[in-house]
């Protein structure tokens, strides 16, 4: 499964009502660290297909849920399970560290 691109209109249905745990990458195209982190997120989407939904929320295009979840710096990642945030971190990480976070929610 490829990454799901979120906006203020599909966030609730894709994240809060998901049957799978969800990783949400809050990012923006003008953010260098976000662009560098993108391939790591894409690799996780492929590796955990069917077990984890991987989503990207562009903070330069949508703001409602970035504000709701207190996103002040990007990249920021929040993990949701049953509609609630269950883990989170800020900053770009490599795949092994991301996998540690993913393991905590699967």
N, C-alpha and C. Protein backbone atom coordinates (compact mmCIF):
# COMPACT_ATOMS: atom_id res chain seq x y z
N UNK A 1 0.85 -1.18 0.00
CA UNK A 1 0.00 0.00 0.00
C UNK A 1 0.89 1.23 0.00
N UNK A 2 0.59 2.14 -0.85
CA UNK A 2 1.33 3.39 -0.88
C UNK A 2 0.88 4.27 0.28
N UNK A 3 1.61 5.32 0.49
CA UNK A 3 1.22 6.27 1.52
C UNK A 3 -0.12 6.90 1.15
N UNK A 4 -0.88 7.25 2.17
CA UNK A 4 -2.14 7.94 1.98
C UNK A 4 -1.89 9.42 2.25
N UNK A 5 -2.28 10.26 1.31
CA UNK A 5 -2.10 11.70 1.48
C UNK A 5 -3.34 12.28 2.13
N UNK A 6 -3.12 12.94 3.26
CA UNK A 6 -4.22 13.46 4.07
C UNK A 6 -4.42 14.95 3.84
N UNK A 7 -5.65 15.38 4.14
CA UNK A 7 -5.96 16.79 4.24
C UNK A 7 -7.03 16.93 5.32
N UNK A 8 -7.55 18.12 5.48
CA UNK A 8 -8.53 18.33 6.55
C UNK A 8 -9.85 17.60 6.28
N UNK A 9 -10.08 17.16 5.05
CA UNK A 9 -11.34 16.51 4.70
C UNK A 9 -11.31 14.99 4.91
N UNK A 10 -10.15 14.37 4.76
CA UNK A 10 -10.12 12.91 4.89
C UNK A 10 -9.37 12.42 6.13
N UNK A 11 -8.88 13.33 6.97
CA UNK A 11 -8.11 12.93 8.15
C UNK A 11 -8.94 12.01 9.06
N UNK A 12 -10.15 12.41 9.38
CA UNK A 12 -10.97 11.61 10.30
C UNK A 12 -11.22 10.21 9.75
N UNK A 13 -11.61 10.11 8.49
CA UNK A 13 -11.94 8.79 7.94
C UNK A 13 -10.71 7.91 7.77
N UNK A 14 -9.58 8.49 7.38
CA UNK A 14 -8.38 7.70 7.13
C UNK A 14 -7.60 7.37 8.41
N UNK A 15 -7.65 8.26 9.39
CA UNK A 15 -6.83 8.10 10.60
C UNK A 15 -7.69 7.71 11.81
N UNK A 16 -8.61 8.54 12.16
CA UNK A 16 -9.35 8.34 13.40
C UNK A 16 -10.30 7.14 13.35
N UNK A 17 -10.75 6.78 12.14
CA UNK A 17 -11.68 5.64 12.01
C UNK A 17 -11.00 4.41 11.39
N UNK A 18 -9.69 4.41 11.33
CA UNK A 18 -8.96 3.30 10.71
C UNK A 18 -9.00 2.06 11.59
N UNK A 19 -9.13 0.90 10.94
CA UNK A 19 -9.05 -0.37 11.65
C UNK A 19 -7.60 -0.75 11.96
N UNK A 20 -6.66 -0.18 11.21
CA UNK A 20 -5.23 -0.45 11.42
C UNK A 20 -4.61 0.67 12.24
N UNK A 21 -3.50 0.40 12.92
CA UNK A 21 -2.72 1.49 13.51
C UNK A 21 -2.26 2.42 12.37
N UNK A 22 -2.10 3.70 12.66
CA UNK A 22 -1.77 4.68 11.63
C UNK A 22 -0.56 5.50 12.05
N UNK A 23 0.39 5.64 11.12
CA UNK A 23 1.52 6.57 11.26
C UNK A 23 1.16 7.79 10.45
N UNK A 24 1.18 8.98 11.07
CA UNK A 24 0.95 10.23 10.34
C UNK A 24 2.22 11.05 10.38
N UNK A 25 2.76 11.32 9.20
CA UNK A 25 3.93 12.18 9.03
C UNK A 25 3.43 13.58 8.70
N UNK A 26 3.58 14.50 9.66
CA UNK A 26 3.24 15.90 9.44
C UNK A 26 4.47 16.55 8.81
N UNK A 27 4.33 17.10 7.62
CA UNK A 27 5.46 17.58 6.84
C UNK A 27 5.04 18.76 5.96
N UNK A 28 5.99 19.29 5.20
CA UNK A 28 5.73 20.31 4.18
C UNK A 28 6.78 20.18 3.09
N UNK A 29 6.43 20.46 1.85
CA UNK A 29 7.37 20.29 0.75
C UNK A 29 8.57 21.24 0.80
N UNK A 30 8.46 22.37 1.49
CA UNK A 30 9.56 23.32 1.59
C UNK A 30 10.55 22.96 2.69
N UNK A 31 10.24 21.93 3.47
CA UNK A 31 11.06 21.54 4.63
C UNK A 31 12.12 20.52 4.20
N UNK A 32 13.38 20.90 4.25
CA UNK A 32 14.48 20.01 3.86
C UNK A 32 14.51 18.70 4.63
N UNK A 33 14.48 18.74 5.97
CA UNK A 33 14.47 17.49 6.73
C UNK A 33 13.26 16.61 6.40
N UNK A 34 12.12 17.24 6.10
CA UNK A 34 10.92 16.48 5.73
C UNK A 34 11.15 15.74 4.42
N UNK A 35 11.75 16.43 3.45
CA UNK A 35 12.02 15.78 2.16
C UNK A 35 13.01 14.64 2.33
N UNK A 36 14.00 14.81 3.20
CA UNK A 36 14.96 13.75 3.46
C UNK A 36 14.34 12.55 4.17
N UNK A 37 13.35 12.80 5.00
CA UNK A 37 12.66 11.76 5.75
C UNK A 37 11.64 11.02 4.88
N UNK A 38 11.21 11.64 3.80
CA UNK A 38 10.19 11.06 2.92
C UNK A 38 10.47 9.64 2.47
N UNK A 39 11.69 9.34 1.98
CA UNK A 39 11.97 7.96 1.55
C UNK A 39 11.90 6.95 2.69
N UNK A 40 12.20 7.36 3.91
CA UNK A 40 12.11 6.48 5.07
C UNK A 40 10.64 6.13 5.32
N UNK A 41 9.79 7.14 5.25
CA UNK A 41 8.35 6.93 5.44
C UNK A 41 7.81 6.02 4.34
N UNK A 42 8.24 6.26 3.11
CA UNK A 42 7.80 5.43 1.98
C UNK A 42 8.24 3.97 2.16
N UNK A 43 9.46 3.76 2.64
CA UNK A 43 9.95 2.40 2.88
C UNK A 43 9.11 1.71 3.95
N UNK A 44 8.73 2.45 4.99
CA UNK A 44 7.89 1.88 6.05
C UNK A 44 6.52 1.52 5.51
N UNK A 45 5.97 2.35 4.63
CA UNK A 45 4.66 2.07 4.04
C UNK A 45 4.69 0.75 3.28
N UNK A 46 5.77 0.50 2.56
CA UNK A 46 5.88 -0.73 1.80
C UNK A 46 6.12 -1.93 2.72
N UNK A 47 7.02 -1.76 3.68
CA UNK A 47 7.40 -2.88 4.55
C UNK A 47 6.25 -3.34 5.45
N UNK A 48 5.43 -2.41 5.92
CA UNK A 48 4.38 -2.74 6.88
C UNK A 48 2.99 -2.76 6.26
N UNK A 49 2.93 -2.88 4.95
CA UNK A 49 1.65 -2.93 4.25
C UNK A 49 0.75 -4.00 4.85
N UNK A 50 -0.49 -3.61 5.10
CA UNK A 50 -1.46 -4.55 5.67
C UNK A 50 -1.46 -4.58 7.18
N UNK A 51 -0.42 -4.04 7.81
CA UNK A 51 -0.34 -4.02 9.28
C UNK A 51 -0.36 -2.62 9.84
N UNK A 52 0.05 -1.63 9.01
CA UNK A 52 0.15 -0.24 9.45
C UNK A 52 -0.22 0.65 8.28
N UNK A 53 -1.12 1.61 8.52
CA UNK A 53 -1.44 2.59 7.49
C UNK A 53 -0.46 3.76 7.66
N UNK A 54 0.19 4.14 6.58
CA UNK A 54 1.17 5.23 6.62
C UNK A 54 0.61 6.41 5.84
N UNK A 55 0.51 7.55 6.52
CA UNK A 55 -0.11 8.74 5.94
C UNK A 55 0.81 9.95 6.02
N UNK A 56 0.60 10.87 5.08
CA UNK A 56 1.36 12.11 5.06
C UNK A 56 0.36 13.27 5.08
N UNK A 57 0.59 14.22 6.00
CA UNK A 57 -0.28 15.39 6.14
C UNK A 57 0.55 16.62 5.84
N UNK A 58 0.28 17.27 4.73
CA UNK A 58 1.03 18.45 4.28
C UNK A 58 0.55 19.68 5.05
N UNK A 59 1.37 20.13 5.99
CA UNK A 59 1.02 21.26 6.85
C UNK A 59 0.98 22.60 6.11
N UNK A 60 1.51 22.65 4.90
CA UNK A 60 1.44 23.89 4.13
C UNK A 60 0.12 23.99 3.36
N UNK A 61 -0.57 22.86 3.20
CA UNK A 61 -1.85 22.84 2.48
C UNK A 61 -3.05 22.75 3.43
N UNK A 62 -2.89 22.08 4.55
CA UNK A 62 -3.96 21.88 5.51
C UNK A 62 -3.44 22.24 6.90
N UNK A 63 -4.32 22.76 7.74
CA UNK A 63 -3.85 23.21 9.05
C UNK A 63 -4.69 22.73 10.23
N UNK A 64 -5.93 22.36 9.98
CA UNK A 64 -6.85 22.04 11.07
C UNK A 64 -6.29 20.99 12.03
N UNK A 65 -5.84 19.86 11.48
CA UNK A 65 -5.38 18.78 12.35
C UNK A 65 -3.96 19.00 12.85
N UNK A 66 -3.17 19.76 12.12
CA UNK A 66 -1.84 20.15 12.64
C UNK A 66 -2.03 20.99 13.89
N UNK A 67 -2.97 21.92 13.85
CA UNK A 67 -3.25 22.75 15.02
C UNK A 67 -3.85 21.92 16.15
N UNK A 68 -4.79 21.04 15.80
CA UNK A 68 -5.46 20.22 16.81
C UNK A 68 -4.46 19.37 17.59
N UNK A 69 -3.45 18.86 16.90
CA UNK A 69 -2.47 17.98 17.55
C UNK A 69 -1.18 18.70 17.93
N UNK A 70 -1.20 20.03 17.93
CA UNK A 70 -0.10 20.82 18.47
C UNK A 70 1.19 20.74 17.68
N UNK A 71 1.10 20.59 16.36
CA UNK A 71 2.30 20.50 15.55
C UNK A 71 2.90 21.90 15.39
N UNK A 72 4.08 22.09 15.96
CA UNK A 72 4.77 23.37 15.86
C UNK A 72 6.05 23.26 15.06
N UNK A 73 6.64 22.08 15.00
CA UNK A 73 7.85 21.83 14.23
C UNK A 73 7.65 20.59 13.39
N UNK A 74 8.25 20.59 12.22
CA UNK A 74 8.15 19.44 11.33
C UNK A 74 9.54 19.03 10.87
N UNK A 75 9.75 17.77 10.51
CA UNK A 75 8.74 16.72 10.51
C UNK A 75 8.36 16.28 11.92
N UNK A 76 7.13 15.89 12.04
CA UNK A 76 6.62 15.34 13.30
C UNK A 76 5.79 14.12 12.94
N UNK A 77 5.92 13.08 13.73
CA UNK A 77 5.19 11.84 13.48
C UNK A 77 4.36 11.50 14.71
N UNK A 78 3.10 11.17 14.44
CA UNK A 78 2.21 10.70 15.50
C UNK A 78 1.64 9.36 15.06
N UNK A 79 1.55 8.46 16.02
CA UNK A 79 0.97 7.14 15.78
C UNK A 79 -0.40 7.10 16.45
N UNK A 80 -1.39 6.66 15.68
CA UNK A 80 -2.76 6.57 16.17
C UNK A 80 -3.19 5.12 16.20
N UNK A 81 -3.96 4.79 17.22
CA UNK A 81 -4.57 3.47 17.33
C UNK A 81 -5.95 3.68 17.92
N UNK A 82 -6.96 3.14 17.27
CA UNK A 82 -8.35 3.32 17.72
C UNK A 82 -8.69 4.79 17.91
N UNK A 83 -8.16 5.65 17.03
CA UNK A 83 -8.50 7.07 17.04
C UNK A 83 -7.74 7.93 18.02
N UNK A 84 -6.81 7.35 18.77
CA UNK A 84 -6.07 8.11 19.78
C UNK A 84 -4.56 8.06 19.48
N UNK A 85 -3.87 9.13 19.86
CA UNK A 85 -2.41 9.16 19.73
C UNK A 85 -1.82 8.22 20.78
N UNK A 86 -0.98 7.28 20.32
CA UNK A 86 -0.38 6.32 21.24
C UNK A 86 1.14 6.44 21.31
N UNK A 87 1.75 7.17 20.38
CA UNK A 87 3.19 7.41 20.41
C UNK A 87 3.48 8.54 19.45
N UNK A 88 4.64 9.18 19.59
CA UNK A 88 4.99 10.30 18.72
C UNK A 88 6.46 10.64 18.87
N UNK A 89 6.98 11.33 17.85
CA UNK A 89 8.33 11.89 17.93
C UNK A 89 8.44 13.03 16.93
N UNK A 90 9.47 13.85 17.12
CA UNK A 90 9.75 14.95 16.21
C UNK A 90 11.11 14.76 15.58
N UNK A 91 11.23 15.21 14.34
CA UNK A 91 12.50 15.15 13.64
C UNK A 91 12.59 13.95 12.73
N UNK A 92 13.54 14.03 11.82
CA UNK A 92 13.76 12.94 10.87
C UNK A 92 14.63 11.87 11.52
N UNK A 93 14.26 10.62 11.30
CA UNK A 93 15.03 9.48 11.82
C UNK A 93 15.29 8.51 10.67
N UNK A 94 16.18 7.59 10.88
CA UNK A 94 16.44 6.54 9.90
C UNK A 94 15.47 5.38 10.12
N UNK A 95 15.38 4.49 9.15
CA UNK A 95 14.41 3.40 9.21
C UNK A 95 14.52 2.53 10.47
N UNK A 96 15.73 2.15 10.93
CA UNK A 96 15.77 1.31 12.14
C UNK A 96 15.12 1.98 13.36
N UNK A 97 15.33 3.27 13.53
CA UNK A 97 14.70 3.97 14.66
C UNK A 97 13.19 4.07 14.45
N UNK A 98 12.77 4.35 13.22
CA UNK A 98 11.34 4.41 12.93
C UNK A 98 10.69 3.06 13.22
N UNK A 99 11.37 1.98 12.88
CA UNK A 99 10.83 0.65 13.13
C UNK A 99 10.65 0.36 14.62
N UNK A 100 11.49 0.93 15.45
CA UNK A 100 11.32 0.79 16.90
C UNK A 100 10.02 1.43 17.35
N UNK A 101 9.74 2.62 16.82
CA UNK A 101 8.46 3.28 17.13
C UNK A 101 7.28 2.45 16.60
N UNK A 102 7.41 1.97 15.36
CA UNK A 102 6.34 1.17 14.77
C UNK A 102 6.06 -0.07 15.60
N UNK A 103 7.11 -0.73 16.08
CA UNK A 103 6.94 -1.93 16.89
C UNK A 103 6.13 -1.64 18.16
N UNK A 104 6.26 -0.43 18.67
CA UNK A 104 5.55 -0.09 19.91
C UNK A 104 4.03 0.04 19.70
N UNK A 105 3.60 0.17 18.45
CA UNK A 105 2.15 0.33 18.21
C UNK A 105 1.51 -0.88 17.51
N UNK A 106 2.34 -1.79 17.03
CA UNK A 106 1.76 -2.96 16.35
C UNK A 106 1.41 -4.05 17.36
